[in-house]
Amino acid sequence: LSDGAGSAAVSELGARAMVAGISRFLMSLEDDLAPWLDDTDATPSDQTGRWAGRLLRHAQGILDDLARSERRNVRDLRGTLLLAVIGMRQAFWWQVGDGAIVVRHADGLHALGTPVSSKGEFANQTCFVDIADIGTVQYGVLPTSELIGLALMSDGAAEKLVANDGS
């Protein structure tokens, strides 16, 4: 899920490009992802940080390439990006910017990462993919055996449906 920045001239182009490009990236690397997310012997921490960095670099590359081809500043294309890759044994989640990734477990609904209200000091402040670094990326893995459902929400839906404490 990508939500273009409202203040960016053609952020919808960047958002669409990131969703399409990241989807293709993940599908083309399925042979690398499957052993990590499907095998019982895989250790989550072995691959999590590596994939988080790869995804950030790839998303930023998508925006840089599009900015060059459209002869625009990359800020004109900026947006947030949230994703989840669900394997047989583990689910990997990754987020840059506001919005929320909500999971349903047997004990209820919970937002992953930082609560929506903590994304910036002022209203409408967030980190966008083009300026993100690995320190601003939120990511992790969770066992699919505990997962009943998962939803990715842009900031508009998250502000209405996710409480400040992440519940």
Protein backbone atom coordinates (compact mmCIF):
# COMPACT_ATOMS: atom_id res chain seq x y z
CA LEU A 1 0.00 0.00 0.00
CA SER A 2 1.39 3.38 -0.93
CA ASP A 3 -0.18 6.72 -0.11
CA GLY A 4 1.14 9.67 -2.07
CA ALA A 5 1.96 12.88 -0.22
CA GLY A 6 -0.86 15.38 -0.62
CA SER A 7 1.65 18.22 -0.97
CA ALA A 8 3.59 16.50 -3.78
CA ALA A 9 2.65 17.46 -7.35
CA VAL A 10 2.31 13.96 -8.84
CA SER A 11 2.55 11.70 -5.82
CA GLU A 12 -0.04 9.35 -7.28
CA LEU A 13 2.50 8.41 -9.96
CA GLY A 14 5.11 7.61 -7.33
CA ALA A 15 2.61 5.63 -5.24
CA ARG A 16 1.50 3.52 -8.21
CA ALA A 17 5.09 2.95 -9.33
CA MET A 18 6.19 1.83 -5.87
CA VAL A 19 3.32 -0.64 -5.49
CA ALA A 20 3.91 -2.13 -8.93
CA GLY A 21 7.71 -2.15 -8.63
CA ILE A 22 7.88 -3.58 -5.12
CA SER A 23 5.30 -6.24 -5.99
CA ARG A 24 7.37 -7.28 -9.01
CA PHE A 25 10.58 -7.18 -6.92
CA LEU A 26 9.11 -9.51 -4.30
CA MET A 27 7.63 -11.90 -6.87
CA SER A 28 10.92 -12.10 -8.75
CA LEU A 29 12.75 -12.99 -5.52
CA GLU A 30 10.23 -15.58 -4.36
CA ASP A 31 12.93 -18.27 -4.39
CA ASP A 32 14.85 -16.25 -1.77
CA LEU A 33 11.80 -15.30 0.28
CA ALA A 34 10.14 -18.71 0.43
CA PRO A 35 12.87 -20.53 2.38
CA TRP A 36 12.96 -17.71 4.93
CA LEU A 37 9.19 -17.38 5.42
CA ASP A 38 8.21 -21.04 4.91
CA ASP A 39 10.92 -23.18 6.51
CA THR A 40 10.64 -24.35 10.07
CA ASP A 41 14.41 -24.02 10.58
CA ALA A 42 14.65 -20.37 9.47
CA THR A 43 15.61 -17.83 12.13
CA PRO A 44 13.63 -14.57 11.68
CA SER A 45 16.48 -12.26 12.68
CA ASP A 46 18.81 -13.82 10.09
CA GLN A 47 17.05 -12.15 7.17
CA THR A 48 14.77 -9.42 8.55
CA GLY A 49 17.21 -6.50 8.54
CA ARG A 50 18.66 -7.51 5.19
CA TRP A 51 15.22 -7.52 3.56
CA ALA A 52 14.27 -4.23 5.22
CA GLY A 53 17.30 -2.54 3.70
CA ARG A 54 16.81 -4.13 0.29
CA LEU A 55 13.20 -2.99 0.12
CA LEU A 56 14.08 0.57 1.08
CA ARG A 57 16.85 0.80 -1.52
CA HIS A 58 14.60 -0.67 -4.19
CA ALA A 59 11.66 1.64 -3.41
CA GLN A 60 13.96 4.67 -3.47
CA GLY A 61 15.41 3.47 -6.77
CA ILE A 62 11.92 3.20 -8.26
CA LEU A 63 11.23 6.82 -7.31
CA ASP A 64 14.64 8.02 -8.56
CA ASP A 65 14.13 6.29 -11.92
CA LEU A 66 10.63 7.70 -12.30
CA ALA A 67 11.81 11.21 -11.37
CA ARG A 68 14.49 11.05 -14.06
CA SER A 69 12.11 9.73 -16.71
CA GLU A 70 9.44 12.32 -15.85
CA ARG A 71 12.04 15.11 -15.49
CA ARG A 72 10.80 15.93 -12.02
CA ASN A 73 12.26 16.30 -8.59
CA VAL A 74 11.82 13.10 -6.58
CA ARG A 75 9.92 15.14 -3.95
CA ASP A 76 7.11 15.53 -6.53
CA LEU A 77 6.60 11.74 -6.40
CA ARG A 78 6.93 11.10 -2.68
CA GLY A 79 4.74 8.80 -0.68
CA THR A 80 4.56 6.32 2.15
CA LEU A 81 4.80 2.56 1.71
CA LEU A 82 3.49 -0.36 3.76
CA LEU A 83 3.77 -4.04 2.90
CA ALA A 84 3.31 -7.52 4.23
CA VAL A 85 4.66 -10.76 2.78
CA ILE A 86 2.98 -13.81 4.22
CA GLY A 87 4.70 -17.17 4.15
CA MET A 88 3.57 -20.52 5.46
CA ARG A 89 5.37 -20.08 8.82
CA GLN A 90 6.18 -16.35 9.12
CA ALA A 91 4.85 -13.01 7.92
CA PHE A 92 7.25 -10.13 7.24
CA TRP A 93 5.88 -6.59 7.61
CA TRP A 94 7.55 -3.33 6.60
CA GLN A 95 6.49 0.31 6.81
CA VAL A 96 7.79 3.78 5.97
CA GLY A 97 5.58 6.68 7.01
CA ASP A 98 2.22 7.01 8.61
CA GLY A 99 -0.69 4.66 8.25
CA ALA A 100 -0.96 1.38 10.09
CA ILE A 101 -0.49 -2.32 9.72
CA VAL A 102 -3.08 -4.01 11.90
CA VAL A 103 -3.05 -7.70 12.78
CA ARG A 104 -5.77 -9.79 14.29
CA HIS A 105 -4.68 -12.42 16.79
CA ALA A 106 -6.83 -14.63 18.99
CA ASP A 107 -6.56 -11.94 21.68
CA GLY A 108 -7.77 -9.08 19.44
CA LEU A 109 -6.57 -6.41 17.02
CA HIS A 110 -3.20 -4.69 17.36
CA ALA A 111 -1.23 -2.20 15.27
CA LEU A 112 2.37 -3.15 14.49
CA GLY A 113 5.14 -0.60 14.92
CA THR A 114 4.73 2.91 16.25
CA PRO A 115 1.20 4.18 16.92
CA VAL A 116 -0.25 6.55 14.31
CA SER A 117 -0.04 9.61 16.59
CA SER A 118 3.69 9.08 17.12
CA LYS A 119 4.74 9.48 13.48
CA GLY A 120 5.50 13.18 13.77
CA GLU A 121 5.45 16.09 16.16
CA PHE A 122 2.92 18.05 14.10
CA ALA A 123 -0.22 17.11 12.18
CA ASN A 124 0.40 15.80 8.66
CA GLN A 125 4.10 15.19 9.39
CA THR A 126 5.55 11.88 8.31
CA CYS A 127 8.61 10.33 6.77
CA PHE A 128 8.40 9.55 3.07
CA VAL A 129 10.24 6.84 1.15
CA ASP A 130 12.46 9.27 -0.79
CA ILE A 131 14.06 10.65 2.41
CA ALA A 132 13.84 7.56 4.63
CA ASP A 133 16.82 5.73 6.04
CA ILE A 134 16.91 2.33 7.69
CA GLY A 135 16.38 4.01 11.07
CA THR A 136 12.96 5.30 9.97
CA VAL A 137 11.80 1.97 8.55
CA GLN A 138 9.61 -0.11 10.84
CA TYR A 139 9.68 -3.85 10.20
CA GLY A 140 9.45 -7.23 11.78
CA VAL A 141 8.23 -10.80 11.50
CA LEU A 142 5.49 -12.66 13.26
CA PRO A 143 4.45 -16.29 13.21
CA THR A 144 1.56 -16.99 10.88
CA SER A 145 0.21 -19.56 13.34
CA GLU A 146 -0.89 -16.62 15.52
CA LEU A 147 -2.21 -14.53 12.64
CA ILE A 148 -5.95 -14.49 11.91
CA GLY A 149 -6.03 -11.39 9.72
CA LEU A 150 -3.92 -8.46 8.53
CA ALA A 151 -4.82 -5.04 7.12
CA LEU A 152 -2.71 -2.26 5.64
CA MET A 153 -4.24 1.21 6.12
CA SER A 154 -3.30 4.61 4.79
CA ASP A 155 -3.17 7.47 7.27
CA GLY A 156 -6.79 8.50 6.62
CA ALA A 157 -8.19 5.11 7.61
CA ALA A 158 -5.63 4.57 10.37
CA GLU A 159 -6.42 7.89 12.06
CA LYS A 160 -10.06 6.87 12.30
CA LEU A 161 -9.66 3.18 13.11
CA VAL A 162 -6.48 2.84 15.19
CA ALA A 163 -6.27 4.30 18.70
CA ASN A 164 -3.30 6.40 19.81
CA ASP A 165 -1.95 3.46 21.84
CA GLY A 166 -1.99 1.18 18.78
CA SER A 167 -5.11 -0.74 19.76
